[in-house]
PDB file of N, CA and C in Angstrom:
ATOM      1  N   MET A   1      -5.110  -5.662 -16.457  1.00  0.00           N
ATOM      2  CA  MET A   1      -5.689  -5.028 -15.240  1.00  0.00           C
ATOM      3  C   MET A   1      -4.961  -3.706 -15.077  1.00  0.00           C
ATOM      4  N   ASN A   2      -5.767  -2.508 -14.828  1.00  0.00           N
ATOM      5  CA  ASN A   2      -5.121  -1.405 -14.620  1.00  0.00           C
ATOM      6  C   ASN A   2      -4.732  -1.250 -13.271  1.00  0.00           C
ATOM      7  N   SER A   3      -4.150   0.042 -12.750  1.00  0.00           N
ATOM      8  CA  SER A   3      -3.579   0.052 -11.468  1.00  0.00           C
ATOM      9  C   SER A   3      -4.609   0.272 -10.489  1.00  0.00           C
ATOM     10  N   SER A   4      -5.754   0.715 -10.945  1.00  0.00           N
ATOM     11  CA  SER A   4      -7.082   0.650 -10.069  1.00  0.00           C
ATOM     12  C   SER A   4      -7.603  -0.405  -9.771  1.00  0.00           C
ATOM     13  N   GLU A   5      -7.587  -1.262 -10.545  1.00  0.00           N
ATOM     14  CA  GLU A   5      -8.199  -2.752 -10.481  1.00  0.00           C
ATOM     15  C   GLU A   5      -7.125  -3.443  -9.681  1.00  0.00           C
ATOM     16  N   THR A   6      -5.858  -3.453  -9.981  1.00  0.00           N
ATOM     17  CA  THR A   6      -4.868  -4.195  -9.263  1.00  0.00           C
ATOM     18  C   THR A   6      -4.850  -3.736  -7.657  1.00  0.00           C
ATOM     19  N   TRP A   7      -5.021  -2.283  -7.374  1.00  0.00           N
ATOM     20  CA  TRP A   7      -5.159  -1.809  -6.184  1.00  0.00           C
ATOM     21  C   TRP A   7      -6.351  -2.530  -5.244  1.00  0.00           C
ATOM     22  N   ARG A   8      -7.573  -2.543  -5.947  1.00  0.00           N
ATOM     23  CA  ARG A   8      -8.700  -3.156  -5.299  1.00  0.00           C
ATOM     24  C   ARG A   8      -8.462  -4.627  -5.027  1.00  0.00           C
ATOM     25  N   PHE A   9      -7.858  -5.372  -6.056  1.00  0.00           N
ATOM     26  CA  PHE A   9      -7.787  -6.831  -6.033  1.00  0.00           C
ATOM     27  C   PHE A   9      -6.848  -7.196  -4.576  1.00  0.00           C
ATOM     28  N   LEU A  10      -5.688  -6.385  -4.742  1.00  0.00           N
ATOM     29  CA  LEU A  10      -4.768  -6.565  -3.544  1.00  0.00           C
ATOM     30  C   LEU A  10      -5.495  -6.311  -2.261  1.00  0.00           C
ATOM     31  N   THR A  11      -6.096  -5.238  -2.148  1.00  0.00           N
ATOM     32  CA  THR A  11      -6.794  -4.799  -0.953  1.00  0.00           C
ATOM     33  C   THR A  11      -7.709  -6.037  -0.389  1.00  0.00           C
ATOM     34  N   ALA A  12      -8.546  -6.327  -1.425  1.00  0.00           N
ATOM     35  CA  ALA A  12      -9.549  -7.476  -1.217  1.00  0.00           C
ATOM     36  C   ALA A  12      -8.720  -8.734  -0.764  1.00  0.00           C
ATOM     37  N   LEU A  13      -7.743  -8.867  -1.443  1.00  0.00           N
ATOM     38  CA  LEU A  13      -7.109 -10.404  -1.246  1.00  0.00           C
ATOM     39  C   LEU A  13      -6.450 -10.198   0.211  1.00  0.00           C
ATOM     40  N   ILE A  14      -5.981  -8.998   0.555  1.00  0.00           N
ATOM     41  CA  ILE A  14      -5.444  -8.775   1.989  1.00  0.00           C
ATOM     42  C   ILE A  14      -6.368  -8.902   2.944  1.00  0.00           C
ATOM     43  N   CYS A  15      -7.748  -8.427   2.916  1.00  0.00           N
ATOM     44  CA  CYS A  15      -8.794  -8.560   3.807  1.00  0.00           C
ATOM     45  C   CYS A  15      -9.168  -9.960   3.809  1.00  0.00           C
ATOM     46  N   PHE A  16      -9.357 -10.689   2.553  1.00  0.00           N
ATOM     47  CA  PHE A  16      -9.631 -12.123   2.820  1.00  0.00           C
ATOM     48  C   PHE A  16      -8.546 -12.857   3.526  1.00  0.00           C
ATOM     49  N   TYR A  17      -7.490 -12.682   3.504  1.00  0.00           N
ATOM     50  CA  TYR A  17      -6.334 -13.449   4.125  1.00  0.00           C
ATOM     51  C   TYR A  17      -6.536 -12.926   5.528  1.00  0.00           C
ATOM     52  N   GLY A  18      -6.772 -11.810   6.014  1.00  0.00           N
ATOM     53  CA  GLY A  18      -6.667 -11.545   7.499  1.00  0.00           C
ATOM     54  C   GLY A  18      -7.827 -12.151   8.003  1.00  0.00           C
ATOM     55  N   PHE A  19      -9.114 -12.371   7.422  1.00  0.00           N
ATOM     56  CA  PHE A  19     -10.256 -12.841   7.856  1.00  0.00           C
ATOM     57  C   PHE A  19     -10.055 -14.417   8.147  1.00  0.00           C
ATOM     58  N   ILE A  20      -9.487 -15.029   6.912  1.00  0.00           N
ATOM     59  CA  ILE A  20      -9.217 -16.550   7.070  1.00  0.00           C
ATOM     60  C   ILE A  20      -8.144 -16.811   8.044  1.00  0.00           C
ATOM     61  N   LYS A  21      -7.029 -15.954   8.394  1.00  0.00           N
ATOM     62  CA  LYS A  21      -6.030 -15.977   9.326  1.00  0.00           C
ATOM     63  C   LYS A  21      -6.609 -16.038  10.796  1.00  0.00           C
ATOM     64  N   GLU A  22      -7.653 -15.139  10.899  1.00  0.00           N
ATOM     65  CA  GLU A  22      -8.119 -15.041  12.406  1.00  0.00           C
ATOM     66  C   GLU A  22      -9.389 -15.920  12.503  1.00  0.00           C
ATOM     67  N   PHE A  23      -9.831 -16.611  11.700  1.00  0.00           N
ATOM     68  CA  PHE A  23     -10.879 -17.584  11.777  1.00  0.00           C
ATOM     69  C   PHE A  23     -10.282 -18.806  12.412  1.00  0.00           C
ATOM     70  N   LYS A  24     -10.663 -18.800  13.583  1.00  0.00           N
ATOM     71  CA  LYS A  24      -9.896 -20.019  14.512  1.00  0.00           C
ATOM     72  C   LYS A  24     -11.290 -21.050  14.913  1.00  0.00           C
ATOM     73  N   ILE A  25     -11.079 -22.174  14.337  1.00  0.00           N
ATOM     74  CA  ILE A  25     -12.244 -23.258  14.614  1.00  0.00           C
ATOM     75  C   ILE A  25     -12.218 -23.392  16.093  1.00  0.00           C
ATOM     76  N   GLY A  26     -11.008 -23.867  16.712  1.00  0.00           N
ATOM     77  CA  GLY A  26     -10.785 -24.189  17.961  1.00  0.00           C
ATOM     78  C   GLY A  26     -10.937 -23.283  19.045  1.00  0.00           C
ATOM     79  N   GLU A  27     -11.054 -22.196  18.930  1.00  0.00           N
ATOM     80  CA  GLU A  27     -11.082 -21.177  19.885  1.00  0.00           C
ATOM     81  C   GLU A  27     -12.104 -21.373  20.936  1.00  0.00           C
ATOM     82  N   PRO A  28     -13.326 -21.715  20.621  1.00  0.00           N
ATOM     83  CA  PRO A  28     -14.217 -21.843  21.750  1.00  0.00           C
ATOM     84  C   PRO A  28     -13.900 -22.961  22.641  1.00  0.00           C
ATOM     85  N   PHE A  29     -13.245 -23.842  22.363  1.00  0.00           N
ATOM     86  CA  PHE A  29     -12.855 -25.019  23.164  1.00  0.00           C
ATOM     87  C   PHE A  29     -11.621 -25.053  23.876  1.00  0.00           C
ATOM     88  N   ILE A  30     -10.887 -24.023  23.715  1.00  0.00           N
ATOM     89  CA  ILE A  30      -9.686 -23.764  24.522  1.00  0.00           C
ATOM     90  C   ILE A  30      -9.863 -23.795  25.954  1.00  0.00           C
ATOM     91  N   TYR A  31     -10.809 -23.115  26.228  1.00  0.00           N
ATOM     92  CA  TYR A  31     -11.042 -22.997  27.954  1.00  0.00           C
ATOM     93  C   TYR A  31     -11.330 -24.360  28.478  1.00  0.00           C
ATOM     94  N   LEU A  32     -12.106 -25.092  27.737  1.00  0.00           N
ATOM     95  CA  LEU A  32     -12.591 -26.534  28.207  1.00  0.00           C
ATOM     96  C   LEU A  32     -11.272 -27.417  28.385  1.00  0.00           C
ATOM     97  N   TYR A  33     -10.520 -27.221  27.252  1.00  0.00           N
ATOM     98  CA  TYR A  33      -9.194 -28.090  27.274  1.00  0.00           C
ATOM     99  C   TYR A  33      -8.246 -27.630  28.566  1.00  0.00           C
ATOM    100  N   GLN A  34      -8.042 -26.356  28.546  1.00  0.00           N
ATOM    101  CA  GLN A  34      -7.269 -25.921  29.545  1.00  0.00           C
ATOM    102  C   GLN A  34      -7.748 -26.278  30.906  1.00  0.00           C
ATOM    103  N   SER A  35      -9.116 -26.122  31.205  1.00  0.00           N
ATOM    104  CA  SER A  35      -9.543 -26.256  32.548  1.00  0.00           C
ATOM    105  C   SER A  35      -9.554 -27.957  32.822  1.00  0.00           C
ATOM    106  N   GLU A  36     -10.006 -28.617  31.782  1.00  0.00           N
ATOM    107  CA  GLU A  36     -10.362 -30.133  32.073  1.00  0.00           C
ATOM    108  C   GLU A  36      -9.149 -31.018  31.757  1.00  0.00           C
ATOM    109  N   VAL A  37      -8.461 -30.745  30.799  1.00  0.00           N
ATOM    110  CA  VAL A  37      -7.284 -31.683  30.390  1.00  0.00           C
ATOM    111  C   VAL A  37      -6.094 -31.217  31.030  1.00  0.00           C
ATOM    112  N   LEU A  38      -5.795 -29.959  30.987  1.00  0.00           N
ATOM    113  CA  LEU A  38      -4.625 -29.505  31.783  1.00  0.00           C
ATOM    114  C   LEU A  38      -4.671 -29.240  33.182  1.00  0.00           C
ATOM    115  N   ASN A  39      -6.004 -29.415  33.844  1.00  0.00           N
ATOM    116  CA  ASN A  39      -6.352 -29.157  35.110  1.00  0.00           C
ATOM    117  C   ASN A  39      -5.874 -27.782  35.812  1.00  0.00           C
ATOM    118  N   LEU A  40      -6.251 -26.645  34.896  1.00  0.00           N
ATOM    119  CA  LEU A  40      -5.736 -25.431  35.213  1.00  0.00           C
ATOM    120  C   LEU A  40      -7.251 -24.689  35.935  1.00  0.00           C
ATOM    121  N   THR A  41      -6.820 -24.028  37.065  1.00  0.00           N
ATOM    122  CA  THR A  41      -8.233 -23.528  37.597  1.00  0.00           C
ATOM    123  C   THR A  41      -8.530 -22.217  37.014  1.00  0.00           C
ATOM    124  N   ARG A  42      -9.905 -21.591  37.199  1.00  0.00           N
ATOM    125  CA  ARG A  42     -10.161 -20.546  36.537  1.00  0.00           C
ATOM    126  C   ARG A  42      -9.193 -19.274  36.971  1.00  0.00           C
ATOM    127  N   GLU A  43      -8.821 -19.232  38.375  1.00  0.00           N
ATOM    128  CA  GLU A  43      -8.053 -18.267  38.748  1.00  0.00           C
ATOM    129  C   GLU A  43      -6.645 -18.234  38.090  1.00  0.00           C
ATOM    130  N   GLN A  44      -6.121 -19.291  37.964  1.00  0.00           N
ATOM    131  CA  GLN A  44      -4.815 -19.443  37.150  1.00  0.00           C
ATOM    132  C   GLN A  44      -5.098 -18.878  35.729  1.00  0.00           C
ATOM    133  N   LEU A  45      -6.085 -19.421  35.034  1.00  0.00           N
ATOM    134  CA  LEU A  45      -6.438 -18.991  33.741  1.00  0.00           C
ATOM    135  C   LEU A  45      -6.449 -17.422  33.434  1.00  0.00           C
ATOM    136  N   THR A  46      -7.249 -16.971  34.438  1.00  0.00           N
ATOM    137  CA  THR A  46      -7.435 -15.413  34.374  1.00  0.00           C
ATOM    138  C   THR A  46      -6.381 -14.581  34.747  1.00  0.00           C
ATOM    139  N   ASN A  47      -5.603 -15.025  35.908  1.00  0.00           N
ATOM    140  CA  ASN A  47      -4.764 -14.206  36.444  1.00  0.00           C
ATOM    141  C   ASN A  47      -3.167 -14.503  35.742  1.00  0.00           C
ATOM    142  N   GLU A  48      -2.905 -15.644  35.401  1.00  0.00           N
ATOM    143  CA  GLU A  48      -1.560 -16.055  34.988  1.00  0.00           C
ATOM    144  C   GLU A  48      -1.505 -16.417  33.362  1.00  0.00           C
ATOM    145  N   VAL A  49      -2.288 -17.022  32.834  1.00  0.00           N
ATOM    146  CA  VAL A  49      -2.306 -17.533  31.456  1.00  0.00           C
ATOM    147  C   VAL A  49      -2.536 -16.397  30.478  1.00  0.00           C
ATOM    148  N   TYR A  50      -3.862 -16.065  30.650  1.00  0.00           N
ATOM    149  CA  TYR A  50      -4.408 -14.996  29.671  1.00  0.00           C
ATOM    150  C   TYR A  50      -3.803 -13.723  29.578  1.00  0.00           C
ATOM    151  N   PRO A  51      -3.291 -13.163  30.694  1.00  0.00           N
ATOM    152  CA  PRO A  51      -2.504 -11.914  30.720  1.00  0.00           C
ATOM    153  C   PRO A  51      -1.126 -12.244  30.036  1.00  0.00           C
ATOM    154  N   PHE A  52      -0.531 -13.301  30.300  1.00  0.00           N
ATOM    155  CA  PHE A  52       0.776 -13.591  29.434  1.00  0.00           C
ATOM    156  C   PHE A  52       0.608 -13.670  28.004  1.00  0.00           C
ATOM    157  N   ILE A  53      -0.320 -14.280  27.702  1.00  0.00           N
ATOM    158  CA  ILE A  53      -0.707 -14.382  26.210  1.00  0.00           C
ATOM    159  C   ILE A  53      -1.003 -13.008  25.614  1.00  0.00           C
ATOM    160  N   ALA A  54      -1.727 -12.313  26.130  1.00  0.00           N
ATOM    161  CA  ALA A  54      -1.980 -10.966  25.790  1.00  0.00           C
ATOM    162  C   ALA A  54      -0.908  -9.952  25.634  1.00  0.00           C
ATOM    163  N   TYR A  55      -0.058 -10.087  26.635  1.00  0.00           N
ATOM    164  CA  TYR A  55       1.219  -9.081  26.527  1.00  0.00           C
ATOM    165  C   TYR A  55       2.112  -9.735  25.772  1.00  0.00           C
ATOM    166  N   SER A  56       2.333 -10.846  25.813  1.00  0.00           N
ATOM    167  CA  SER A  56       3.518 -11.378  24.813  1.00  0.00           C
ATOM    168  C   SER A  56       3.106 -11.200  23.318  1.00  0.00           C
ATOM    169  N   TYR A  57       1.887 -11.163  23.016  1.00  0.00           N
ATOM    170  CA  TYR A  57       1.410 -10.962  21.692  1.00  0.00           C
ATOM    171  C   TYR A  57       1.670  -9.386  21.398  1.00  0.00           C
ATOM    172  N   LEU A  58       1.131  -8.512  22.494  1.00  0.00           N
ATOM    173  CA  LEU A  58       1.399  -7.416  22.295  1.00  0.00           C
ATOM    174  C   LEU A  58       3.085  -7.020  22.022  1.00  0.00           C
ATOM    175  N   LEU A  59       3.801  -7.343  22.623  1.00  0.00           N
ATOM    176  CA  LEU A  59       5.282  -7.304  22.450  1.00  0.00           C
ATOM    177  C   LEU A  59       5.885  -7.737  21.175  1.00  0.00           C
ATOM    178  N   SER A  60       5.411  -8.797  20.594  1.00  0.00           N
ATOM    179  CA  SER A  60       5.794  -9.465  19.646  1.00  0.00           C
ATOM    180  C   SER A  60       5.375  -8.394  18.340  1.00  0.00           C
ATOM    181  N   LEU A  61       4.308  -7.739  18.492  1.00  0.00           N
ATOM    182  CA  LEU A  61       3.781  -6.996  17.445  1.00  0.00           C
ATOM    183  C   LEU A  61       5.077  -5.809  17.082  1.00  0.00           C
ATOM    184  N   ILE A  62       5.673  -5.474  18.039  1.00  0.00           N
ATOM    185  CA  ILE A  62       6.543  -4.244  17.793  1.00  0.00           C
ATOM    186  C   ILE A  62       7.818  -4.757  16.618  1.00  0.00           C
ATOM    187  N   PRO A  63       8.633  -5.909  16.837  1.00  0.00           N
ATOM    188  CA  PRO A  63       9.275  -6.272  15.817  1.00  0.00           C
ATOM    189  C   PRO A  63       8.675  -6.625  14.302  1.00  0.00           C
ATOM    190  N   VAL A  64       7.459  -7.281  14.490  1.00  0.00           N
ATOM    191  CA  VAL A  64       6.836  -7.510  13.273  1.00  0.00           C
ATOM    192  C   VAL A  64       6.344  -6.226  12.537  1.00  0.00           C
ATOM    193  N   LEU A  65       5.968  -5.281  13.043  1.00  0.00           N
ATOM    194  CA  LEU A  65       5.558  -4.079  12.522  1.00  0.00           C
ATOM    195  C   LEU A  65       6.884  -3.411  12.072  1.00  0.00           C
ATOM    196  N   LEU A  66       7.910  -3.445  12.598  1.00  0.00           N
ATOM    197  CA  LEU A  66       9.321  -2.829  12.089  1.00  0.00           C
ATOM    198  C   LEU A  66       9.890  -3.743  10.871  1.00  0.00           C
ATOM    199  N   LEU A  67       9.676  -5.050  10.936  1.00  0.00           N
ATOM    200  CA  LEU A  67       9.813  -6.094   9.762  1.00  0.00           C
ATOM    201  C   LEU A  67       9.078  -5.603   8.546  1.00  0.00           C
ATOM    202  N   THR A  68       7.728  -5.371   9.032  1.00  0.00           N
ATOM    203  CA  THR A  68       6.857  -5.168   7.653  1.00  0.00           C
ATOM    204  C   THR A  68       7.194  -3.739   7.287  1.00  0.00           C
ATOM    205  N   ASP A  69       7.644  -2.772   8.074  1.00  0.00           N
ATOM    206  CA  ASP A  69       8.179  -1.448   7.359  1.00  0.00           C
ATOM    207  C   ASP A  69       9.285  -1.598   6.578  1.00  0.00           C
ATOM    208  N   LEU A  70      10.259  -2.630   6.974  1.00  0.00           N
ATOM    209  CA  LEU A  70      11.536  -2.493   6.198  1.00  0.00           C
ATOM    210  C   LEU A  70      11.375  -3.637   4.729  1.00  0.00           C
ATOM    211  N   THR A  71      10.327  -4.587   4.939  1.00  0.00           N
ATOM    212  CA  THR A  71      10.385  -5.614   3.888  1.00  0.00           C
ATOM    213  C   THR A  71       9.192  -5.567   2.988  1.00  0.00           C
ATOM    214  N   LEU A  72       8.080  -4.431   3.521  1.00  0.00           N
ATOM    215  CA  LEU A  72       6.761  -4.252   2.933  1.00  0.00           C
ATOM    216  C   LEU A  72       5.839  -5.498   3.370  1.00  0.00           C
ATOM    217  N   TYR A  73       4.775  -5.920   2.858  1.00  0.00           N
ATOM    218  CA  TYR A  73       3.923  -6.678   3.523  1.00  0.00           C
ATOM    219  C   TYR A  73       4.067  -8.049   3.044  1.00  0.00           C
ATOM    220  N   LYS A  74       4.370  -8.451   1.752  1.00  0.00           N
ATOM    221  CA  LYS A  74       4.507  -9.622   1.154  1.00  0.00           C
ATOM    222  C   LYS A  74       5.590 -10.716   1.810  1.00  0.00           C
ATOM    223  N   PRO A  75       6.678 -10.493   2.219  1.00  0.00           N
ATOM    224  CA  PRO A  75       7.466 -11.390   2.890  1.00  0.00           C
ATOM    225  C   PRO A  75       6.977 -11.589   4.400  1.00  0.00           C
ATOM    226  N   THR A  76       6.479 -10.580   4.860  1.00  0.00           N
ATOM    227  CA  THR A  76       6.033 -10.737   6.296  1.00  0.00           C
ATOM    228  C   THR A  76       4.684 -11.715   6.368  1.00  0.00           C
ATOM    229  N   MET A  77       3.894 -11.550   5.242  1.00  0.00           N
ATOM    230  CA  MET A  77       2.656 -12.477   5.101  1.00  0.00           C
ATOM    231  C   MET A  77       3.241 -13.878   4.845  1.00  0.00           C
ATOM    232  N   LEU A  78       4.225 -14.015   3.958  1.00  0.00           N
ATOM    233  CA  LEU A  78       4.758 -15.316   3.850  1.00  0.00           C
ATOM    234  C   LEU A  78       5.222 -16.090   4.915  1.00  0.00           C
ATOM    235  N   LEU A  79       6.044 -15.332   5.625  1.00  0.00           N
ATOM    236  CA  LEU A  79       6.686 -15.709   7.164  1.00  0.00           C
ATOM    237  C   LEU A  79       5.786 -16.141   7.946  1.00  0.00           C
ATOM    238  N   GLU A  80       4.443 -15.402   8.064  1.00  0.00           N
ATOM    239  CA  GLU A  80       3.510 -15.579   8.937  1.00  0.00           C
ATOM    240  C   GLU A  80       2.632 -17.145   8.713  1.00  0.00           C
ATOM    241  N   VAL A  81       2.516 -16.981   7.282  1.00  0.00           N
ATOM    242  CA  VAL A  81       1.706 -18.413   6.676  1.00  0.00           C
ATOM    243  C   VAL A  81       2.559 -19.534   7.181  1.00  0.00           C
ATOM    244  N   VAL A  82       4.012 -19.343   6.924  1.00  0.00           N
ATOM    245  CA  VAL A  82       4.655 -20.691   7.162  1.00  0.00           C
ATOM    246  C   VAL A  82       4.890 -20.891   8.604  1.00  0.00           C
ATOM    247  N   GLY A  83       4.863 -19.919   9.373  1.00  0.00           N
ATOM    248  CA  GLY A  83       4.703 -20.093  10.929  1.00  0.00           C
ATOM    249  C   GLY A  83       3.517 -20.509  11.476  1.00  0.00           C
ATOM    250  N   GLN A  84       2.289 -20.125  10.989  1.00  0.00           N
ATOM    251  CA  GLN A  84       1.140 -20.700  11.290  1.00  0.00           C
ATOM    252  C   GLN A  84       1.117 -22.146  10.798  1.00  0.00           C
ATOM    253  N   THR A  85       1.490 -22.465   9.595  1.00  0.00           N
ATOM    254  CA  THR A  85       1.403 -23.768   8.991  1.00  0.00           C
ATOM    255  C   THR A  85       2.239 -24.884   9.990  1.00  0.00           C
ATOM    256  N   VAL A  86       3.327 -24.254  10.374  1.00  0.00           N
ATOM    257  CA  VAL A  86       4.220 -25.232  11.295  1.00  0.00           C
ATOM    258  C   VAL A  86       3.397 -25.445  12.629  1.00  0.00           C
ATOM    259  N   TYR A  87       3.022 -24.360  13.055  1.00  0.00           N
ATOM    260  CA  TYR A  87       2.293 -24.143  14.473  1.00  0.00           C
ATOM    261  C   TYR A  87       1.158 -25.210  14.319  1.00  0.00           C
TER     262      TYR A  87
END
């Protein structure tokens, strides 16, 4: 495999990994679970829960991006896979 083929293969592999990572089967059922099982109202979800999730994810991206710059993408992806498997 020459360098051009290696580059294309790695790019396709990273794109496939990103697609599989973001493919969340339970995502459509989260609202029903939070409203019926956890007894959270629509106002609580809209004003308290969902903004916290969005902003905490945004803040967690800063150290992840810095870690990726220091270690390149492979150790970061491995750490992410381990974290999602445990979660």
